Protein backbone atom coordinates (compact mmCIF):
# COMPACT_ATOMS: atom_id res chain seq x y z
CA UNK A 1 0.00 0.00 0.00
CA UNK A 2 3.03 2.33 0.24
CA UNK A 3 2.72 3.80 -3.24
CA UNK A 4 -1.06 4.17 -3.02
CA UNK A 5 -0.83 5.98 0.30
CA UNK A 6 1.94 8.19 -1.02
CA UNK A 7 -0.09 9.18 -4.09
CA UNK A 8 -3.09 10.02 -1.89
CA UNK A 9 -0.83 12.03 0.39
CA UNK A 10 0.55 14.03 -2.53
CA UNK A 11 -2.99 14.72 -3.74
CA UNK A 12 -3.93 16.01 -0.28
CA UNK A 13 -0.83 18.24 -0.24
CA UNK A 14 -1.75 19.67 -3.62
CA UNK A 15 -5.21 20.50 -2.26
CA UNK A 16 -3.66 22.18 0.77
CA UNK A 17 -4.97 19.56 3.23
CA UNK A 18 -1.70 19.18 5.08
CA UNK A 19 -3.09 17.43 8.18
CA UNK A 20 -4.66 14.70 6.07
CA UNK A 21 -1.58 14.58 3.86
CA UNK A 22 0.74 14.10 6.84
CA UNK A 23 -1.28 11.16 8.16
CA UNK A 24 -1.21 9.48 4.75
CA UNK A 25 2.50 10.15 4.24
CA UNK A 26 3.41 8.77 7.66
CA UNK A 27 1.41 5.61 6.89
CA UNK A 28 3.23 5.34 3.56
CA UNK A 29 6.52 5.76 5.40
CA UNK A 30 5.59 2.86 7.69
CA UNK A 31 4.89 0.63 4.68
CA UNK A 32 8.03 1.72 2.84
CA UNK A 33 10.11 0.74 5.86
CA UNK A 34 8.72 -2.80 5.56
CA UNK A 35 10.17 -3.06 2.06
CA UNK A 36 13.45 -4.67 1.09
CA UNK A 37 16.20 -2.29 2.29
CA UNK A 38 18.22 -2.86 -0.89
CA UNK A 39 15.18 -1.89 -2.92
CA UNK A 40 14.82 1.40 -1.03
CA UNK A 41 18.46 2.16 -1.79
CA UNK A 42 17.89 2.13 -5.56
CA UNK A 43 14.66 4.13 -5.77
CA UNK A 44 14.26 7.84 -5.01
CA UNK A 45 10.58 7.75 -4.00
CA UNK A 46 11.57 7.30 -0.38
CA UNK A 47 13.72 10.45 -0.46
CA UNK A 48 10.80 12.43 -1.91
CA UNK A 49 8.46 10.99 0.72
CA UNK A 50 10.72 12.23 3.52
CA UNK A 51 10.95 15.63 1.86
CA UNK A 52 7.16 15.86 1.66
CA UNK A 53 6.72 14.84 5.31
CA UNK A 54 9.04 17.62 6.48
CA UNK A 55 7.24 20.09 4.19
CA UNK A 56 3.97 19.14 5.91
CA UNK A 57 5.60 19.70 9.30
CA UNK A 58 6.56 23.20 8.15
CA UNK A 59 3.15 24.04 6.71
CA UNK A 60 1.49 22.87 9.95
CA UNK A 61 4.09 24.77 12.04
CA UNK A 62 4.74 21.56 13.94
CA UNK A 63 7.90 22.52 15.85
CA UNK A 64 7.61 19.46 18.10
CA UNK A 65 8.81 17.36 15.18
CA UNK A 66 12.13 19.18 14.68
CA UNK A 67 14.25 16.13 15.65
CA UNK A 68 12.30 13.91 13.26
CA UNK A 69 12.51 16.57 10.54
CA UNK A 70 16.28 16.74 10.94
CA UNK A 71 16.67 12.98 10.52
CA UNK A 72 14.36 12.88 7.51
CA UNK A 73 16.26 15.68 5.76
CA UNK A 74 19.49 13.76 6.32
CA UNK A 75 17.94 10.67 4.73
CA UNK A 76 16.65 12.77 1.85
CA UNK A 77 19.99 14.49 1.24
CA UNK A 78 21.89 11.18 1.34
CA UNK A 79 19.55 9.51 -1.15
CA UNK A 80 19.66 12.53 -3.47
CA UNK A 81 23.45 12.29 -3.48
CA UNK A 82 23.22 8.57 -4.26
CA UNK A 83 20.80 9.21 -7.11
CA UNK A 84 22.10 12.44 -8.62
CA UNK A 85 25.67 12.76 -7.33
CA UNK A 86 27.09 15.36 -4.97
CA UNK A 87 26.07 18.85 -6.12
CA UNK A 88 24.18 17.20 -9.00
CA UNK A 89 27.45 16.08 -10.62
CA UNK A 90 25.97 12.87 -12.03
CA UNK A 91 22.96 14.65 -13.53
CA UNK A 92 25.16 17.45 -14.89
CA UNK A 93 27.45 14.93 -16.58
CA UNK A 94 24.48 13.26 -18.27
CA UNK A 95 22.27 16.21 -19.22
CA UNK A 96 24.27 19.39 -18.86
CA UNK A 97 24.54 22.12 -16.24
CA UNK A 98 20.84 22.92 -15.82
CA UNK A 99 18.51 20.17 -14.63
CA UNK A 100 15.05 19.98 -13.14
CA UNK A 101 16.25 17.94 -10.18
CA UNK A 102 17.65 21.23 -8.84
CA UNK A 103 14.06 22.14 -7.94
CA UNK A 104 14.16 19.35 -5.39
CA UNK A 105 17.33 20.82 -3.93
CA UNK A 106 15.64 24.22 -3.56
CA UNK A 107 12.99 22.74 -1.29
CA UNK A 108 15.57 20.63 0.55
CA UNK A 109 17.82 23.65 1.14
CA UNK A 110 14.88 25.80 2.20
CA UNK A 111 13.78 23.22 4.75
CA UNK A 112 17.33 22.93 6.05
CA UNK A 113 17.50 26.71 6.41
CA UNK A 114 14.21 26.78 8.33
CA UNK A 115 15.47 23.96 10.53
CA UNK A 116 18.68 25.89 11.27
CA UNK A 117 16.58 28.94 12.18
CA UNK A 118 14.46 27.06 14.71
CA UNK A 119 17.56 25.36 16.13
CA UNK A 120 18.91 28.87 16.78
CA UNK A 121 21.75 28.33 14.27
CA UNK A 122 21.21 31.76 12.75
CA UNK A 123 24.49 32.03 10.79
CA UNK A 124 23.90 28.64 9.17
CA UNK A 125 20.33 29.69 8.43
CA UNK A 126 21.42 32.94 6.73
CA UNK A 127 23.97 31.07 4.60
CA UNK A 128 21.43 28.49 3.50
CA UNK A 129 18.74 31.10 2.77
CA UNK A 130 21.20 32.91 0.48
CA UNK A 131 21.78 29.61 -1.34
CA UNK A 132 18.02 29.21 -1.76
CA UNK A 133 17.65 32.77 -3.05
CA UNK A 134 20.32 32.19 -5.71
CA UNK A 135 18.75 28.89 -6.75
CA UNK A 136 15.29 30.46 -7.08
CA UNK A 137 16.65 33.19 -9.37
CA UNK A 138 18.27 30.60 -11.63
CA UNK A 139 15.04 28.62 -11.86
CA UNK A 140 12.77 31.58 -12.66
CA UNK A 141 10.59 31.01 -15.74
CA UNK A 142 10.12 33.80 -18.28
CA UNK A 143 6.38 34.39 -18.79
CA UNK A 144 6.76 35.30 -22.49
CA UNK A 145 8.72 32.12 -23.17
CA UNK A 146 6.08 30.10 -21.33
CA UNK A 147 3.29 31.61 -23.46
CA UNK A 148 5.17 30.96 -26.72
CA UNK A 149 5.84 27.36 -25.79
CA UNK A 150 2.25 26.68 -24.71
CA UNK A 151 1.04 28.04 -28.06
CA UNK A 152 2.81 25.03 -29.61
CA UNK A 153 0.31 22.76 -27.86
CA UNK A 154 2.39 21.50 -24.95
CA UNK A 155 1.01 21.23 -21.42
CA UNK A 156 1.81 23.77 -18.74
CA UNK A 157 3.78 21.16 -16.81
CA UNK A 158 5.86 20.12 -19.82
CA UNK A 159 6.59 23.76 -20.65
CA UNK A 160 7.72 24.70 -17.15
CA UNK A 161 9.95 21.66 -16.80
CA UNK A 162 11.49 22.22 -20.24
CA UNK A 163 12.09 25.96 -19.79
CA UNK A 164 13.82 25.40 -16.47
CA UNK A 165 15.96 22.67 -17.95
CA UNK A 166 16.90 24.83 -20.95
CA UNK A 167 17.30 28.21 -19.23
CA UNK A 168 14.23 29.72 -20.98
CA UNK A 169 15.46 28.82 -24.49
CA UNK A 170 12.22 28.06 -26.39
CA UNK A 171 13.78 26.14 -29.30
CA UNK A 172 15.88 24.01 -26.96
CA UNK A 173 12.79 23.44 -24.80
CA UNK A 174 10.84 22.01 -27.76
CA UNK A 175 13.64 19.55 -28.45
CA UNK A 176 13.82 18.75 -24.72
CA UNK A 177 10.10 17.90 -24.61
CA UNK A 178 10.34 15.62 -27.64
CA UNK A 179 13.39 13.82 -26.25
CA UNK A 180 11.75 13.49 -22.86
CA UNK A 181 8.61 11.92 -24.33
CA UNK A 182 10.71 9.47 -26.34
CA UNK A 183 12.82 8.55 -23.33
CA UNK A 184 9.73 8.03 -21.18
CA UNK A 185 8.22 5.71 -23.77
CA UNK A 186 11.46 3.72 -23.99
CA UNK A 187 11.70 3.44 -20.20
CA UNK A 188 8.08 2.38 -19.85
CA UNK A 189 8.54 -0.39 -22.42
CA UNK A 190 11.71 -1.53 -20.67
CA UNK A 191 10.01 -1.53 -17.27
CA UNK A 192 7.03 -3.50 -18.57
CA UNK A 193 9.34 -6.04 -20.19
CA UNK A 194 11.30 -6.37 -16.96
CA UNK A 195 8.13 -6.74 -14.89
CA UNK A 196 6.85 -9.57 -17.11
CA UNK A 197 10.22 -11.34 -17.04
CA UNK A 198 10.39 -11.18 -13.24
CA UNK A 199 6.86 -12.51 -12.91
CA UNK A 200 7.63 -15.30 -15.39
CA UNK A 201 10.72 -16.53 -13.56
CA UNK A 202 9.39 -15.70 -10.06
CA UNK A 203 12.16 -13.20 -9.27
CA UNK A 204 10.93 -11.82 -5.94
CA UNK A 205 11.79 -8.13 -5.50
CA UNK A 206 10.94 -8.40 -1.80
CA UNK A 207 13.55 -11.06 -1.12
CA UNK A 208 16.47 -10.10 1.07
CA UNK A 209 18.99 -11.27 -1.54
CA UNK A 210 17.22 -9.58 -4.46
CA UNK A 211 19.46 -8.45 -7.30
CA UNK A 212 18.21 -6.69 -10.41
CA UNK A 213 18.72 -8.72 -13.60
CA UNK A 214 20.57 -6.78 -16.29
CA UNK A 215 18.46 -6.73 -19.44
CA UNK A 216 21.49 -6.01 -21.61
CA UNK A 217 22.91 -9.39 -20.53
CA UNK A 218 19.55 -11.03 -21.27
CA UNK A 219 19.73 -9.51 -24.76
CA UNK A 220 23.25 -10.87 -25.28
CA UNK A 221 22.09 -14.39 -24.41
CA UNK A 222 19.05 -14.03 -26.65
CA UNK A 223 21.35 -13.10 -29.54
CA UNK A 224 23.04 -16.46 -28.96
CA UNK A 225 19.68 -18.16 -29.48
CA UNK A 226 18.43 -18.67 -25.93
CA UNK A 227 14.80 -17.79 -25.04
CA UNK A 228 14.35 -14.71 -22.86
CA UNK A 229 12.91 -16.56 -19.86
CA UNK A 230 15.72 -19.16 -19.80
CA UNK A 231 18.31 -16.39 -20.15
CA UNK A 232 16.67 -14.51 -17.28
CA UNK A 233 16.58 -17.62 -15.08
CA UNK A 234 20.24 -18.38 -15.78
CA UNK A 235 21.29 -14.81 -14.96
CA UNK A 236 19.18 -14.92 -11.80
CA UNK A 237 21.03 -18.05 -10.66
CA UNK A 238 24.46 -16.71 -11.67
CA UNK A 239 23.85 -13.23 -10.15
CA UNK A 240 24.38 -11.49 -13.51
CA UNK A 241 27.58 -13.40 -14.32
CA UNK A 242 27.16 -14.03 -18.05
CA UNK A 243 29.78 -16.79 -18.11
CA UNK A 244 28.04 -18.52 -15.22
CA UNK A 245 24.71 -18.07 -17.00
CA UNK A 246 26.11 -19.63 -20.18
CA UNK A 247 27.39 -22.57 -18.18
CA UNK A 248 23.96 -22.93 -16.56
CA UNK A 249 22.23 -22.87 -19.95
CA UNK A 250 24.61 -25.44 -21.44
CA UNK A 251 24.75 -27.87 -18.52
CA UNK A 252 21.40 -27.42 -16.78
CA UNK A 253 18.91 -26.64 -19.54
CA UNK A 254 16.54 -29.37 -18.31
CA UNK A 255 16.69 -27.97 -14.78
CA UNK A 256 15.85 -24.47 -16.01
CA UNK A 257 12.89 -25.78 -18.01
CA UNK A 258 11.69 -27.68 -14.96
CA UNK A 259 11.86 -24.40 -13.05
CA UNK A 260 9.56 -22.79 -15.63
CA UNK A 261 6.97 -25.51 -14.97
CA UNK A 262 6.83 -24.15 -11.43
CA UNK A 263 6.97 -20.40 -12.05
CA UNK A 264 4.94 -19.70 -15.21
CA UNK A 265 1.19 -19.18 -14.87
CA UNK A 266 -0.55 -20.41 -18.01
CA UNK A 267 -2.55 -17.98 -20.15
CA UNK A 268 -5.98 -19.64 -20.29
CA UNK A 269 -6.93 -18.12 -23.64
CA UNK A 270 -3.77 -19.46 -25.28
CA UNK A 271 -4.41 -22.84 -23.67
CA UNK A 272 -7.89 -22.96 -25.24
CA UNK A 273 -6.43 -22.09 -28.63
CA UNK A 274 -3.99 -25.01 -28.41
CA UNK A 275 -6.78 -27.33 -27.29
CA UNK A 276 -8.83 -26.38 -30.36
CA UNK A 277 -5.90 -27.63 -32.44
CA UNK A 278 -6.42 -31.06 -30.85
CA UNK A 279 -3.75 -31.01 -28.18
CA UNK A 280 -4.46 -32.44 -24.73
CA UNK A 281 -5.13 -29.90 -22.00
CA UNK A 282 -2.14 -30.91 -19.90
CA UNK A 283 0.45 -30.91 -22.64
CA UNK A 284 -0.95 -27.58 -23.86
CA UNK A 285 -0.24 -26.20 -20.38
CA UNK A 286 3.22 -27.75 -20.31
CA UNK A 287 4.08 -26.27 -23.71
CA UNK A 288 2.88 -22.81 -22.68
CA UNK A 289 4.86 -22.98 -19.46
CA UNK A 290 8.04 -24.02 -21.25
CA UNK A 291 7.50 -21.26 -23.83
CA UNK A 292 6.55 -18.66 -21.20
CA UNK A 293 3.13 -18.19 -22.87
CA UNK A 294 4.60 -17.54 -26.31
CA UNK A 295 1.91 -19.10 -28.52
CA UNK A 296 4.06 -19.59 -31.62
CA UNK A 297 6.89 -21.20 -29.67
CA UNK A 298 4.45 -23.42 -27.76
CA UNK A 299 2.84 -24.54 -31.03
CA UNK A 300 6.21 -25.31 -32.61
CA UNK A 301 7.24 -27.21 -29.48
CA UNK A 302 4.13 -29.40 -29.65
CA UNK A 303 4.45 -30.02 -33.39
CA UNK A 304 8.06 -31.08 -32.88
CA UNK A 305 7.37 -33.31 -29.88
CA UNK A 306 4.05 -34.95 -30.80
CA UNK A 307 4.41 -37.19 -33.84
CA UNK A 308 1.75 -39.67 -34.99
CA UNK A 309 0.10 -39.65 -31.60
CA UNK A 310 3.35 -40.33 -29.74
CA UNK A 311 5.24 -38.06 -27.36
CA UNK A 312 8.96 -37.48 -27.68
CA UNK A 313 11.31 -38.37 -24.83
CA UNK A 314 11.72 -34.65 -24.10
CA UNK A 315 7.98 -34.16 -23.72
CA UNK A 316 7.67 -37.33 -21.63
CA UNK A 317 10.32 -35.94 -19.26
CA UNK A 318 8.38 -32.69 -19.06
CA UNK A 319 5.19 -34.64 -18.26
CA UNK A 320 7.05 -36.57 -15.56
CA UNK A 321 8.32 -33.32 -14.05
CA UNK A 322 4.81 -31.91 -14.23
CA UNK A 323 3.38 -34.97 -12.46
CA UNK A 324 6.10 -34.74 -9.82
CA UNK A 325 5.13 -31.13 -9.22
CA UNK A 326 1.49 -32.12 -8.77
CA UNK A 327 2.37 -34.99 -6.45
CA UNK A 328 4.13 -32.50 -4.21
CA UNK A 329 1.17 -30.10 -4.29
CA UNK A 330 -1.78 -32.48 -4.01
CA UNK A 331 -2.90 -35.64 -2.22
CA UNK A 332 -2.55 -38.62 -4.60
CA UNK A 333 -5.77 -40.13 -5.91
CA UNK A 334 -6.52 -42.50 -8.76
CA UNK A 335 -3.84 -43.23 -11.36
CA UNK A 336 -4.93 -42.11 -14.80
CA UNK A 337 -1.95 -41.02 -16.88
CA UNK A 338 -1.80 -38.45 -19.61
CA UNK A 339 1.45 -39.77 -21.02
CA UNK A 340 1.89 -43.57 -20.98
CA UNK A 341 5.15 -45.46 -20.73
CA UNK A 342 5.31 -46.01 -24.49
CA UNK A 343 4.76 -42.31 -25.18
CA UNK A 344 1.12 -42.62 -26.31
CA UNK A 345 -1.26 -39.97 -25.04
CA UNK A 346 -4.43 -40.81 -23.21
CA UNK A 347 -7.70 -39.28 -24.38
CA UNK A 348 -8.52 -38.43 -20.78
CA UNK A 349 -7.78 -34.94 -19.48
CA UNK A 350 -7.44 -36.16 -15.89
CA UNK A 351 -4.12 -35.63 -14.18
CA UNK A 352 -1.63 -38.43 -13.58
CA UNK A 353 -2.62 -38.60 -9.92
CA UNK A 354 -6.29 -37.86 -10.41
CA UNK A 355 -5.76 -34.77 -8.28
CA UNK A 356 -6.77 -31.22 -8.98
CA UNK A 357 -4.58 -29.38 -11.50
CA UNK A 358 -2.23 -27.11 -9.49
CA UNK A 359 -2.96 -24.17 -11.79
CA UNK A 360 -6.68 -24.51 -11.07
CA UNK A 361 -5.99 -24.99 -7.36
CA UNK A 362 -4.37 -21.56 -7.19
CA UNK A 363 -7.84 -20.04 -7.02
CA UNK A 364 -8.35 -21.79 -3.65
CA UNK A 365 -5.25 -20.41 -1.96
CA UNK A 366 -5.74 -18.99 1.52
CA UNK A 367 -5.69 -15.36 2.50
CA UNK A 368 -2.05 -15.63 3.57
CA UNK A 369 -0.98 -16.52 0.05
CA UNK A 370 -3.10 -13.73 -1.40
CA UNK A 371 -1.49 -11.26 0.97
CA UNK A 372 1.95 -12.52 -0.01
CA UNK A 373 1.09 -12.08 -3.68
CA UNK A 374 -0.15 -8.54 -2.99
CA UNK A 375 3.07 -7.77 -1.12
CA UNK A 376 5.23 -9.01 -3.98
CA UNK A 377 3.20 -6.95 -6.45
CA UNK A 378 3.75 -3.88 -4.27
CA UNK A 379 7.50 -4.49 -4.35
CA UNK A 380 7.42 -4.75 -8.13
CA UNK A 381 5.35 -1.56 -8.34
CA UNK A 382 7.90 0.31 -6.24
CA UNK A 383 10.76 -1.06 -8.28
CA UNK A 384 9.39 -0.45 -11.75
CA UNK A 385 7.45 2.76 -11.13
CA UNK A 386 10.25 4.47 -9.30
CA UNK A 387 13.58 3.12 -10.51
CA UNK A 388 14.08 5.32 -13.56
CA UNK A 389 16.06 8.35 -12.44
CA UNK A 390 16.07 9.95 -15.88
CA UNK A 391 12.35 10.19 -16.63
CA UNK A 392 9.54 9.63 -14.14
CA UNK A 393 5.92 8.85 -14.89
CA UNK A 394 3.68 11.86 -15.43
CA UNK A 395 2.09 11.81 -11.98
CA UNK A 396 5.56 11.93 -10.43
CA UNK A 397 6.65 14.93 -12.50
CA UNK A 398 4.85 17.14 -10.00
CA UNK A 399 8.01 17.15 -7.91
CA UNK A 400 9.89 18.63 -10.86
CA UNK A 401 7.15 21.16 -11.60
CA UNK A 402 6.92 23.10 -8.36
CA UNK A 403 5.83 26.67 -9.08
CA UNK A 404 8.11 27.78 -6.23
CA UNK A 405 5.66 30.51 -5.12
CA UNK A 406 5.37 29.05 -1.62
CA UNK A 407 9.13 28.67 -1.42
CA UNK A 408 9.54 32.33 -2.38
CA UNK A 409 7.06 33.50 0.27
CA UNK A 410 8.74 31.44 2.98
CA UNK A 411 12.13 32.77 1.96
CA UNK A 412 10.90 36.37 2.27
CA UNK A 413 9.27 35.62 5.62
CA UNK A 414 12.39 34.17 7.20
CA UNK A 415 14.69 36.78 5.65
CA UNK A 416 12.66 39.43 7.49
CA UNK A 417 12.91 37.47 10.73
CA UNK A 418 16.67 37.34 10.28
CA UNK A 419 16.94 40.98 9.22
CA UNK A 420 18.39 40.05 5.83
CA UNK A 421 16.50 42.67 3.75
C-alpha cells in the first residue's frame, strides 16, 4: 500500500490539506520501511516521501517534530546524493549544467534553512537562505517564453519543466520535450518487459537477496539463441555473471525448463487455442509454461514433440516433471496417466494422480498466500514505477514542476525574521 498511500498524500498536499496529507504520508513511510532495504536504496521515491513529510511539518508549524525533521532531511539528502551525485554532478554529466532535479534541492535547502533557524543556528540559516535565493533566481521562468511554448500545444507542466531545464530557451525546450517523451516511452517499455520477465521466472523483489537482472545481458544471451525466460533464469542463478549463465544454460537446460513448470502461470486463452488444435489440455499447459506463454513457440514445441500420436522423450520428461510437481502439491488419488510409458497420449484430461490441477488450485489459496502475492506486487510496483532516475511517470513529474511561489514566500518571511533585507 506504500505507493497508493503516497499518491493520496501528494494529492492532499496539492489540495492544501496538510493534516490529512501528513497522516497518509506517515502511513506510507511505515509501509516503505517494511520493504526490502536494498530496494529502497535504488529508488528515489523514499527520499521524496521524507521531503514531503518535512514540508507538511513546516506548513502545519509543527515545531515538536524538529528532531524527526532533521533525521528525515538527512535521509533525503543522502539519497539525493546517491541518485544524482554530490552537487548534481551525475545529472550534470548526463544532461548538462541545468537540470530539473535542482528544484528538489531548492525545497531541501529551504527546509534545512528553516530547521537551522528554529535550532537557533542563525548564521547557518542565513547562509542556506542565500543559497536558496540564488537557486530560485536561476530557476525563474520567463512568462513570455512560457506563453510561446504553450502556443505550440504542450502542457503547462511540460513547458515549465522544459524551460527550467533549458534556461528559458524556447527552441531548446521544444527539443527537450520531444526527447523526454521518447525517453519516457522507452523506459516504460523496458520496465514492462522487466516486470513480465520477473513474474515469469518468479524473481521476488521483496527477497532479502534480491538483485536486479541486467536486461542487456539477457539480450546478449538471446542473440546467442536462448529464449528470454531461460536467459533470465540463468542470470538470476548466476547473479548477472554471463559466463556462469552460459554454463547454466549449457549444462542445466533441463533444470531451467523444470523451473519454468513451477513459475509460469498459463494464459488460459492461449491454452484454449492449443486445445482447439487437438492437443491435450495438460500438454498444452506444459508447452505454454516451457515457452513462457509464447503461442508460436508453444505450437512449434508441440508439433516437434508430438508425432503420430506419440510423445517425444523430451515431452515425456516434461510430463514426468509436471506430475512430480502435482504430487508434491496435491494428495494422490486414482492413477490415470496423460502420457503412458510407451509415449502414447491418453484421451482423458485427468491428471496423472487424479488430483486437482495445481494451476486450477491456485484459485483456492488462503488469504495468507493472497497477501503474499499482494506484497510481492507492491515491491514490483515500487521497483518499476520508481527506478528510472532519468524520466519519471507523469504523476511523479509534479516534484519537478513546483511553481516555487510558496518557497519564495517562505524565503521572504524568514529573511525578514533574520533581518536580511
